Amino acid sequence: MTRVTLLALAFLWGLSLVSCRPHWVIVEHDVASAAGPHEEKVVGDEPPAPNTEVVPAPPSPNHVWVEGYWTHCYNGWVWMPGCYALRPRLHAVWVSGYWERHPRGWVWIYGRWS
């Protein structure tokens, strides 16, 4: 690798360390593993209403749209846009995560494949 490439990779790695991407962020390459154990996420303030997303055409019939959601990060709300995910098995359906009101605050209920 060239020195410029190595510097660019080091810069991008550094950005990933300070980015607002908590452990439950769903991206195309890790949706299939979203059914594993999770830490509970509780926040005090109510999440904003979901954003309206334009859903593009799927890359294949085996891809499912995973809608975006609000996450709480650094004392504020951040919108995580939706993406397509490859079904882990034939006819699998994605059940989206959501914020639920509890006596302790708002609790994130993780999305899962069913």
Protein backbone atom coordinates (compact mmCIF):
# COMPACT_ATOMS: atom_id res chain seq x y z
CA MET A 1 0.00 0.00 0.00
CA THR A 2 1.14 3.51 -0.64
CA ARG A 3 1.78 5.97 2.16
CA VAL A 4 -1.23 8.07 1.09
CA THR A 5 -3.51 5.03 1.23
CA LEU A 6 -2.24 4.11 4.68
CA LEU A 7 -2.77 7.66 5.93
CA ALA A 8 -6.30 7.71 4.50
CA LEU A 9 -7.13 4.39 6.19
CA ALA A 10 -5.70 5.62 9.50
CA PHE A 11 -7.80 8.79 9.23
CA LEU A 12 -11.00 6.82 8.52
CA TRP A 13 -10.25 4.43 11.40
CA GLY A 14 -9.82 7.43 13.71
CA LEU A 15 -13.17 8.84 12.59
CA SER A 16 -14.84 5.55 13.39
CA LEU A 17 -13.59 5.79 16.98
CA VAL A 18 -15.30 9.13 17.58
CA SER A 19 -18.42 8.63 15.49
CA CYS A 20 -21.86 8.34 17.01
CA ARG A 21 -22.52 4.71 16.15
CA PRO A 22 -23.72 2.83 19.23
CA HIS A 23 -23.59 -0.96 19.37
CA TRP A 24 -27.19 -1.44 18.26
CA VAL A 25 -26.89 0.44 14.96
CA ILE A 26 -28.23 -1.72 12.19
CA VAL A 27 -26.28 -1.73 8.96
CA GLU A 28 -26.55 -4.07 6.03
CA HIS A 29 -23.63 -6.30 7.02
CA ASP A 30 -24.74 -6.95 10.62
CA VAL A 31 -28.54 -7.15 10.50
CA ALA A 32 -28.40 -10.93 10.29
CA SER A 33 -26.65 -11.04 13.67
CA ALA A 34 -29.02 -8.56 15.35
CA ALA A 35 -30.76 -11.36 17.25
CA GLY A 36 -27.87 -11.84 19.68
CA PRO A 37 -27.67 -10.53 23.27
CA HIS A 38 -27.92 -6.76 23.73
CA GLU A 39 -27.38 -4.23 26.46
CA GLU A 40 -30.49 -2.35 27.52
CA LYS A 41 -30.69 1.24 26.27
CA VAL A 42 -32.82 3.63 28.38
CA VAL A 43 -33.11 7.39 27.84
CA GLY A 44 -35.08 10.07 29.64
CA ASP A 45 -36.58 12.06 26.79
CA GLU A 46 -39.12 10.94 24.20
CA PRO A 47 -37.74 10.17 20.72
CA PRO A 48 -38.79 12.38 17.81
CA ALA A 49 -41.34 11.15 15.27
CA PRO A 50 -39.78 8.86 12.64
CA ASN A 51 -38.40 10.54 9.54
CA THR A 52 -40.02 9.83 6.19
CA GLU A 53 -37.65 7.82 4.03
CA VAL A 54 -37.65 7.26 0.30
CA VAL A 55 -37.20 3.52 -0.16
CA PRO A 56 -35.14 2.71 -3.26
CA ALA A 57 -35.63 -0.41 -5.35
CA PRO A 58 -34.15 -3.50 -3.66
CA PRO A 59 -30.82 -4.81 -4.95
CA SER A 60 -32.36 -8.31 -5.23
CA PRO A 61 -35.54 -10.19 -4.27
CA ASN A 62 -33.63 -11.56 -1.26
CA HIS A 63 -33.14 -8.10 0.28
CA VAL A 64 -35.52 -6.57 2.84
CA TRP A 65 -35.81 -2.88 3.71
CA VAL A 66 -34.83 -2.17 7.34
CA GLU A 67 -36.36 1.20 8.16
CA GLY A 68 -34.39 3.95 9.83
CA TYR A 69 -34.76 4.86 13.50
CA TRP A 70 -33.75 7.42 16.08
CA THR A 71 -30.88 6.62 18.40
CA HIS A 72 -29.83 8.59 21.46
CA CYS A 73 -26.17 9.53 21.39
CA TYR A 74 -24.11 12.16 23.25
CA ASN A 75 -27.21 13.59 24.97
CA GLY A 76 -29.11 14.08 21.70
CA TRP A 77 -31.14 12.26 19.09
CA VAL A 78 -29.51 11.10 15.84
CA TRP A 79 -31.39 9.63 12.86
CA MET A 80 -29.95 6.35 11.56
CA PRO A 81 -31.16 5.94 7.96
CA GLY A 82 -32.68 2.71 6.70
CA CYS A 83 -30.90 0.22 4.48
CA TYR A 84 -31.45 -3.06 2.69
CA ALA A 85 -30.48 -6.28 4.45
CA LEU A 86 -30.04 -9.73 3.00
CA ARG A 87 -32.55 -12.21 4.44
CA PRO A 88 -30.81 -14.75 6.69
CA ARG A 89 -33.22 -17.44 5.43
CA LEU A 90 -36.01 -17.84 2.90
CA HIS A 91 -39.21 -15.93 3.85
CA ALA A 92 -37.56 -14.23 6.87
CA VAL A 93 -39.33 -11.02 7.89
CA TRP A 94 -37.66 -8.07 9.60
CA VAL A 95 -39.52 -6.80 12.69
CA SER A 96 -38.30 -3.24 13.24
CA GLY A 97 -37.00 -1.98 16.56
CA TYR A 98 -38.87 0.75 18.41
CA TRP A 99 -38.78 2.96 21.51
CA GLU A 100 -41.22 1.96 24.26
CA ARG A 101 -42.27 4.07 27.27
CA HIS A 102 -41.39 2.55 30.66
CA PRO A 103 -41.44 3.97 34.20
CA ARG A 104 -37.64 4.46 33.98
CA GLY A 105 -37.84 6.34 30.64
CA TRP A 106 -37.80 5.27 27.00
CA VAL A 107 -36.38 1.80 26.32
CA TRP A 108 -35.12 0.61 22.93
CA ILE A 109 -36.71 -2.68 21.82
CA TYR A 110 -34.33 -4.21 19.31
CA GLY A 111 -35.35 -5.26 15.81
CA ARG A 112 -35.17 -8.94 14.90
CA TRP A 113 -35.74 -11.46 12.18
CA SER A 114 -38.83 -13.65 12.47
